[in-house]
Every structure is written in C-alpha cells, then in structure tokens.
PDB file of N, CA and C in Angstrom:
ATOM      1  N   MET A   1    -130.753 -23.841 -86.306  1.00  0.00           N
ATOM      2  CA  MET A   1    -131.092 -23.001 -87.301  1.00  0.00           C
ATOM      3  C   MET A   1    -131.075 -21.560 -86.573  1.00  0.00           C
ATOM      4  N   LYS A   2    -131.716 -21.207 -85.811  1.00  0.00           N
ATOM      5  CA  LYS A   2    -132.456 -19.604 -85.523  1.00  0.00           C
ATOM      6  C   LYS A   2    -131.011 -19.192 -84.792  1.00  0.00           C
ATOM      7  N   LYS A   3    -130.537 -20.030 -83.944  1.00  0.00           N
ATOM      8  CA  LYS A   3    -128.728 -19.135 -83.579  1.00  0.00           C
ATOM      9  C   LYS A   3    -127.940 -18.736 -84.551  1.00  0.00           C
ATOM     10  N   ALA A   4    -127.985 -19.362 -85.742  1.00  0.00           N
ATOM     11  CA  ALA A   4    -127.099 -19.470 -86.589  1.00  0.00           C
ATOM     12  C   ALA A   4    -127.335 -17.829 -87.125  1.00  0.00           C
ATOM     13  N   ILE A   5    -128.631 -17.964 -87.870  1.00  0.00           N
ATOM     14  CA  ILE A   5    -129.163 -16.871 -88.336  1.00  0.00           C
ATOM     15  C   ILE A   5    -129.312 -15.457 -87.312  1.00  0.00           C
ATOM     16  N   ILE A   6    -129.566 -15.584 -85.847  1.00  0.00           N
ATOM     17  CA  ILE A   6    -128.966 -14.327 -85.341  1.00  0.00           C
ATOM     18  C   ILE A   6    -127.608 -14.019 -85.099  1.00  0.00           C
ATOM     19  N   LEU A   7    -127.065 -15.216 -85.130  1.00  0.00           N
ATOM     20  CA  LEU A   7    -125.664 -14.652 -84.870  1.00  0.00           C
ATOM     21  C   LEU A   7    -124.774 -14.252 -86.183  1.00  0.00           C
ATOM     22  N   ALA A   8    -125.419 -14.615 -87.209  1.00  0.00           N
ATOM     23  CA  ALA A   8    -124.668 -13.961 -88.918  1.00  0.00           C
ATOM     24  C   ALA A   8    -125.596 -12.155 -88.929  1.00  0.00           C
ATOM     25  N   VAL A   9    -126.594 -12.371 -88.375  1.00  0.00           N
ATOM     26  CA  VAL A   9    -127.273 -10.883 -88.548  1.00  0.00           C
ATOM     27  C   VAL A   9    -126.342 -10.019 -87.530  1.00  0.00           C
ATOM     28  N   CYS A  10    -125.931 -10.289 -86.060  1.00  0.00           N
ATOM     29  CA  CYS A  10    -125.494  -9.710 -85.114  1.00  0.00           C
ATOM     30  C   CYS A  10    -124.171  -9.349 -86.157  1.00  0.00           C
ATOM     31  N   SER A  11    -123.513 -10.320 -86.161  1.00  0.00           N
ATOM     32  CA  SER A  11    -122.069 -10.267 -87.016  1.00  0.00           C
ATOM     33  C   SER A  11    -122.118  -9.006 -87.852  1.00  0.00           C
ATOM     34  N   LEU A  12    -123.088  -9.035 -88.825  1.00  0.00           N
ATOM     35  CA  LEU A  12    -123.017  -8.158 -89.969  1.00  0.00           C
ATOM     36  C   LEU A  12    -123.272  -6.535 -89.425  1.00  0.00           C
ATOM     37  N   THR A  13    -124.258  -6.510 -88.256  1.00  0.00           N
ATOM     38  CA  THR A  13    -124.436  -5.293 -87.833  1.00  0.00           C
ATOM     39  C   THR A  13    -122.961  -4.728 -87.298  1.00  0.00           C
ATOM     40  N   LEU A  14    -122.353  -5.542 -86.801  1.00  0.00           N
ATOM     41  CA  LEU A  14    -121.063  -5.102 -85.996  1.00  0.00           C
ATOM     42  C   LEU A  14    -120.269  -4.738 -87.001  1.00  0.00           C
ATOM     43  N   ILE A  15    -120.261  -5.502 -87.814  1.00  0.00           N
ATOM     44  CA  ILE A  15    -119.339  -5.129 -89.162  1.00  0.00           C
ATOM     45  C   ILE A  15    -119.705  -3.712 -89.606  1.00  0.00           C
ATOM     46  N   GLY A  16    -120.966  -3.767 -90.015  1.00  0.00           N
ATOM     47  CA  GLY A  16    -121.045  -2.444 -90.576  1.00  0.00           C
ATOM     48  C   GLY A  16    -120.957  -1.553 -89.256  1.00  0.00           C
ATOM     49  N   SER A  17    -121.095  -1.416 -88.419  1.00  0.00           N
ATOM     50  CA  SER A  17    -120.893  -0.154 -87.534  1.00  0.00           C
ATOM     51  C   SER A  17    -119.356   0.463 -87.745  1.00  0.00           C
ATOM     52  N   THR A  18    -118.276  -0.811 -87.826  1.00  0.00           N
ATOM     53  CA  THR A  18    -117.327  -0.431 -87.376  1.00  0.00           C
ATOM     54  C   THR A  18    -117.157   0.470 -88.923  1.00  0.00           C
ATOM     55  N   PHE A  19    -117.658   0.502 -90.370  1.00  0.00           N
ATOM     56  CA  PHE A  19    -117.100   1.078 -91.022  1.00  0.00           C
ATOM     57  C   PHE A  19    -117.686   2.702 -91.356  1.00  0.00           C
ATOM     58  N   ALA A  20    -118.699   2.297 -90.537  1.00  0.00           N
ATOM     59  CA  ALA A  20    -119.671   3.929 -90.487  1.00  0.00           C
ATOM     60  C   ALA A  20    -119.138   4.763 -89.613  1.00  0.00           C
ATOM     61  N   ASN A  21    -118.396   4.596 -88.680  1.00  0.00           N
ATOM     62  CA  ASN A  21    -117.460   5.238 -87.371  1.00  0.00           C
ATOM     63  C   ASN A  21    -116.019   5.252 -88.162  1.00  0.00           C
ATOM     64  N   ALA A  22    -115.874   5.055 -89.397  1.00  0.00           N
ATOM     65  CA  ALA A  22    -114.683   5.216 -89.834  1.00  0.00           C
ATOM     66  C   ALA A  22    -114.055   6.547 -90.199  1.00  0.00           C
ATOM     67  N   GLU A  23    -113.175   7.240 -89.872  1.00  0.00           N
ATOM     68  CA  GLU A  23    -112.964   8.163 -90.645  1.00  0.00           C
ATOM     69  C   GLU A  23    -111.414   8.224 -90.832  1.00  0.00           C
ATOM     70  N   VAL A  24    -111.212  10.069 -91.595  1.00  0.00           N
ATOM     71  CA  VAL A  24    -109.921   9.932 -91.995  1.00  0.00           C
ATOM     72  C   VAL A  24    -109.196  10.050 -90.668  1.00  0.00           C
ATOM     73  N   VAL A  25    -108.000   9.152 -90.904  1.00  0.00           N
ATOM     74  CA  VAL A  25    -107.012   9.474 -89.654  1.00  0.00           C
ATOM     75  C   VAL A  25    -105.736   9.637 -89.706  1.00  0.00           C
ATOM     76  N   LYS A  26    -105.101  10.223 -90.954  1.00  0.00           N
ATOM     77  CA  LYS A  26    -104.327  11.297 -91.526  1.00  0.00           C
ATOM     78  C   LYS A  26    -104.705  11.992 -92.885  1.00  0.00           C
ATOM     79  N   LYS A  27    -104.485  13.397 -93.000  1.00  0.00           N
ATOM     80  CA  LYS A  27    -104.435  14.247 -93.565  1.00  0.00           C
ATOM     81  C   LYS A  27    -102.996  14.848 -93.861  1.00  0.00           C
ATOM     82  N   VAL A  28    -102.337  14.598 -95.371  1.00  0.00           N
ATOM     83  CA  VAL A  28    -101.310  15.501 -95.707  1.00  0.00           C
ATOM     84  C   VAL A  28    -101.596  16.488 -96.653  1.00  0.00           C
ATOM     85  N   THR A  29    -101.648  17.681 -96.195  1.00  0.00           N
ATOM     86  CA  THR A  29    -101.283  18.889 -97.874  1.00  0.00           C
ATOM     87  C   THR A  29     -99.892  19.519 -97.648  1.00  0.00           C
ATOM     88  N   THR A  30     -99.492  19.729 -98.862  1.00  0.00           N
ATOM     89  CA  THR A  30     -98.255  20.270 -99.311  1.00  0.00           C
ATOM     90  C   THR A  30     -98.642  21.412-100.064  1.00  0.00           C
ATOM     91  N   HIS A  31     -97.825  22.469 -99.785  1.00  0.00           N
ATOM     92  CA  HIS A  31     -98.132  24.020-100.091  1.00  0.00           C
ATOM     93  C   HIS A  31     -96.342  24.606-100.822  1.00  0.00           C
ATOM     94  N   LYS A  32     -96.560  24.850-102.120  1.00  0.00           N
ATOM     95  CA  LYS A  32     -95.072  25.420-102.219  1.00  0.00           C
ATOM     96  C   LYS A  32     -94.884  27.017-102.533  1.00  0.00           C
ATOM     97  N   THR A  33     -94.000  26.910-101.901  1.00  0.00           N
ATOM     98  CA  THR A  33     -93.406  28.780-102.056  1.00  0.00           C
ATOM     99  C   THR A  33     -92.629  29.156-103.255  1.00  0.00           C
ATOM    100  N   GLN A  34     -92.253  30.177-103.378  1.00  0.00           N
ATOM    101  CA  GLN A  34     -91.338  30.442-104.085  1.00  0.00           C
ATOM    102  C   GLN A  34     -89.934  29.895-103.623  1.00  0.00           C
ATOM    103  N   THR A  35     -89.614  29.909-102.044  1.00  0.00           N
ATOM    104  CA  THR A  35     -88.171  29.655-101.285  1.00  0.00           C
ATOM    105  C   THR A  35     -88.432  28.223-101.088  1.00  0.00           C
ATOM    106  N   GLY A  36     -89.570  27.862-100.897  1.00  0.00           N
ATOM    107  CA  GLY A  36     -89.664  26.413-100.308  1.00  0.00           C
ATOM    108  C   GLY A  36     -90.816  25.819-100.199  1.00  0.00           C
ATOM    109  N   HIS A  37     -91.448  25.504 -99.084  1.00  0.00           N
ATOM    110  CA  HIS A  37     -92.708  24.333 -99.076  1.00  0.00           C
ATOM    111  C   HIS A  37     -92.938  24.319 -97.515  1.00  0.00           C
ATOM    112  N   VAL A  38     -94.495  24.261 -97.721  1.00  0.00           N
ATOM    113  CA  VAL A  38     -95.071  23.877 -96.181  1.00  0.00           C
ATOM    114  C   VAL A  38     -95.820  23.145 -96.402  1.00  0.00           C
ATOM    115  N   LYS A  39     -95.704  21.774 -95.196  1.00  0.00           N
ATOM    116  CA  LYS A  39     -96.161  20.605 -95.438  1.00  0.00           C
ATOM    117  C   LYS A  39     -96.952  20.414 -94.148  1.00  0.00           C
ATOM    118  N   LYS A  40     -98.494  20.617 -94.148  1.00  0.00           N
ATOM    119  CA  LYS A  40     -99.164  20.178 -92.840  1.00  0.00           C
ATOM    120  C   LYS A  40     -99.845  18.810 -92.656  1.00  0.00           C
ATOM    121  N   VAL A  41     -99.714  18.535 -91.643  1.00  0.00           N
ATOM    122  CA  VAL A  41    -100.161  16.814 -91.139  1.00  0.00           C
ATOM    123  C   VAL A  41    -100.944  16.969 -89.837  1.00  0.00           C
ATOM    124  N   VAL A  42    -102.160  16.647 -90.634  1.00  0.00           N
ATOM    125  CA  VAL A  42    -103.453  16.790 -89.604  1.00  0.00           C
ATOM    126  C   VAL A  42    -103.611  15.362 -89.072  1.00  0.00           C
ATOM    127  N   LYS A  43    -104.122  14.630 -87.965  1.00  0.00           N
ATOM    128  CA  LYS A  43    -104.462  13.548 -87.592  1.00  0.00           C
ATOM    129  C   LYS A  43    -104.995  13.344 -86.908  1.00  0.00           C
ATOM    130  N   HIS A  44    -105.749  12.392 -85.994  1.00  0.00           N
ATOM    131  CA  HIS A  44    -106.042  12.090 -84.582  1.00  0.00           C
ATOM    132  C   HIS A  44    -105.710  10.814 -83.803  1.00  0.00           C
ATOM    133  N   ASN A  45    -105.597  11.611 -82.735  1.00  0.00           N
ATOM    134  CA  ASN A  45    -104.819   9.784 -81.569  1.00  0.00           C
ATOM    135  C   ASN A  45    -106.231   9.163 -81.007  1.00  0.00           C
ATOM    136  N   ARG A  46    -105.708   8.139 -80.202  1.00  0.00           N
ATOM    137  CA  ARG A  46    -106.729   7.396 -79.866  1.00  0.00           C
ATOM    138  C   ARG A  46    -107.720   7.874 -79.070  1.00  0.00           C
ATOM    139  N   TYR A  47    -107.342   9.132 -78.500  1.00  0.00           N
ATOM    140  CA  TYR A  47    -108.484   9.829 -77.465  1.00  0.00           C
ATOM    141  C   TYR A  47    -109.463  11.010 -78.107  1.00  0.00           C
ATOM    142  N   GLY A  48    -109.310  11.167 -79.518  1.00  0.00           N
ATOM    143  CA  GLY A  48    -109.812  11.945 -80.145  1.00  0.00           C
ATOM    144  C   GLY A  48    -109.338  13.348 -80.160  1.00  0.00           C
ATOM    145  N   ASP A  49    -107.984  13.519 -79.761  1.00  0.00           N
ATOM    146  CA  ASP A  49    -107.393  15.038 -79.948  1.00  0.00           C
ATOM    147  C   ASP A  49    -107.474  15.131 -81.156  1.00  0.00           C
ATOM    148  N   LYS A  50    -107.133  16.643 -81.317  1.00  0.00           N
ATOM    149  CA  LYS A  50    -106.909  16.426 -82.956  1.00  0.00           C
ATOM    150  C   LYS A  50    -105.561  16.825 -82.964  1.00  0.00           C
ATOM    151  N   ILE A  51    -104.344  16.377 -83.666  1.00  0.00           N
ATOM    152  CA  ILE A  51    -103.129  16.966 -83.609  1.00  0.00           C
ATOM    153  C   ILE A  51    -101.950  17.133 -84.982  1.00  0.00           C
ATOM    154  N   VAL A  52    -101.805  18.773 -85.281  1.00  0.00           N
ATOM    155  CA  VAL A  52    -101.643  19.487 -86.679  1.00  0.00           C
ATOM    156  C   VAL A  52    -100.076  19.401 -86.065  1.00  0.00           C
ATOM    157  N   LYS A  53     -99.292  18.897 -87.143  1.00  0.00           N
ATOM    158  CA  LYS A  53     -97.655  19.029 -87.494  1.00  0.00           C
ATOM    159  C   LYS A  53     -97.487  20.054 -88.441  1.00  0.00           C
ATOM    160  N   LYS A  54     -96.757  20.858 -88.758  1.00  0.00           N
ATOM    161  CA  LYS A  54     -96.773  22.103 -89.843  1.00  0.00           C
ATOM    162  C   LYS A  54     -95.229  21.841 -89.497  1.00  0.00           C
ATOM    163  N   THR A  55     -94.605  21.615 -91.140  1.00  0.00           N
ATOM    164  CA  THR A  55     -93.373  21.929 -90.953  1.00  0.00           C
ATOM    165  C   THR A  55     -92.701  23.198 -92.048  1.00  0.00           C
ATOM    166  N   LYS A  56     -92.805  23.853 -91.878  1.00  0.00           N
ATOM    167  CA  LYS A  56     -91.845  25.073 -93.295  1.00  0.00           C
ATOM    168  C   LYS A  56     -90.205  25.097 -93.789  1.00  0.00           C
ATOM    169  N   CYS A  57     -90.326  24.870 -94.669  1.00  0.00           N
ATOM    170  CA  CYS A  57     -88.704  24.840 -95.349  1.00  0.00           C
ATOM    171  C   CYS A  57     -88.887  25.872 -96.257  1.00  0.00           C
ATOM    172  N   SER A  58     -87.679  27.028 -95.845  1.00  0.00           N
ATOM    173  CA  SER A  58     -87.221  27.939 -96.501  1.00  0.00           C
ATOM    174  C   SER A  58     -86.010  27.711 -97.162  1.00  0.00           C
ATOM    175  N   TYR A  59     -85.067  27.903 -98.103  1.00  0.00           N
ATOM    176  CA  TYR A  59     -83.663  28.116 -98.579  1.00  0.00           C
ATOM    177  C   TYR A  59     -83.249  26.679 -98.148  1.00  0.00           C
ATOM    178  N   GLY A  60     -84.140  25.948 -97.615  1.00  0.00           N
ATOM    179  CA  GLY A  60     -83.231  24.977 -97.351  1.00  0.00           C
ATOM    180  C   GLY A  60     -83.181  24.442 -95.913  1.00  0.00           C
ATOM    181  N   ASN A  61     -83.754  25.394 -94.897  1.00  0.00           N
ATOM    182  CA  ASN A  61     -84.005  25.495 -93.258  1.00  0.00           C
ATOM    183  C   ASN A  61     -85.330  25.211 -93.148  1.00  0.00           C
ATOM    184  N   CYS A  62     -85.664  24.021 -92.412  1.00  0.00           N
ATOM    185  CA  CYS A  62     -86.832  23.348 -91.779  1.00  0.00           C
ATOM    186  C   CYS A  62     -87.062  23.498 -90.362  1.00  0.00           C
ATOM    187  N   LYS A  63     -88.263  24.044 -90.088  1.00  0.00           N
ATOM    188  CA  LYS A  63     -88.468  23.936 -89.157  1.00  0.00           C
ATOM    189  C   LYS A  63     -90.110  23.716 -89.128  1.00  0.00           C
ATOM    190  N   THR A  64     -90.424  22.264 -87.571  1.00  0.00           N
ATOM    191  CA  THR A  64     -91.486  22.030 -86.978  1.00  0.00           C
ATOM    192  C   THR A  64     -92.274  22.623 -85.812  1.00  0.00           C
ATOM    193  N   VAL A  65     -93.469  22.479 -86.295  1.00  0.00           N
ATOM    194  CA  VAL A  65     -95.075  22.872 -85.169  1.00  0.00           C
ATOM    195  C   VAL A  65     -95.291  21.661 -84.918  1.00  0.00           C
ATOM    196  N   LYS A  66     -95.347  21.218 -83.777  1.00  0.00           N
ATOM    197  CA  LYS A  66     -96.778  20.372 -83.285  1.00  0.00           C
ATOM    198  C   LYS A  66     -97.681  20.922 -82.445  1.00  0.00           C
ATOM    199  N   LYS A  67     -98.892  21.454 -82.736  1.00  0.00           N
ATOM    200  CA  LYS A  67     -99.912  21.240 -81.564  1.00  0.00           C
ATOM    201  C   LYS A  67    -100.949  20.489 -81.446  1.00  0.00           C
ATOM    202  N   VAL A  68    -101.629  20.242 -80.502  1.00  0.00           N
ATOM    203  CA  VAL A  68    -102.654  19.654 -80.079  1.00  0.00           C
ATOM    204  C   VAL A  68    -103.554  20.103 -79.554  1.00  0.00           C
ATOM    205  N   LYS A  69    -105.140  19.937 -80.578  1.00  0.00           N
ATOM    206  CA  LYS A  69    -106.225  21.143 -80.310  1.00  0.00           C
ATOM    207  C   LYS A  69    -106.935  20.017 -80.056  1.00  0.00           C
TER     208      LYS A  69
END
C-alpha cells in the first residue's frame, strides 16, 4: 500500500513539472502594409536557441530571412 502511494505521488510530481516547464514553441505574427505583408515566426529548437524567420512580401515578391539568436 505504501509503495502504491509513493509511486502515485512521484508520478504526479513528474507530470506537474512537465506542465510547469512548458513554454510557447512557435509564435507567428503577421503585419499588413499597403503593398504586401510581413510574417514573423519565432520558435525555439531543442538546444534552446531562438530562431527568427521573417518573410517580407511586396507586390508579390517574397523574401525570407532566417536568423539564429
């Protein structure tokens, strides 16, 4: 009985810690201009690096820039 209670408490703490450490993986913002739009995607890879991918479109011509911070 004691082993079951200890196991249940340990499993609940592990589940709680995974939810507490959860963060936003991907964030997308779009900004419209008169001639086109700008789309910015911010995400984190598994090493914790921040990756910013920005796409600028003007009159149908799109250019994408990717930066690792």
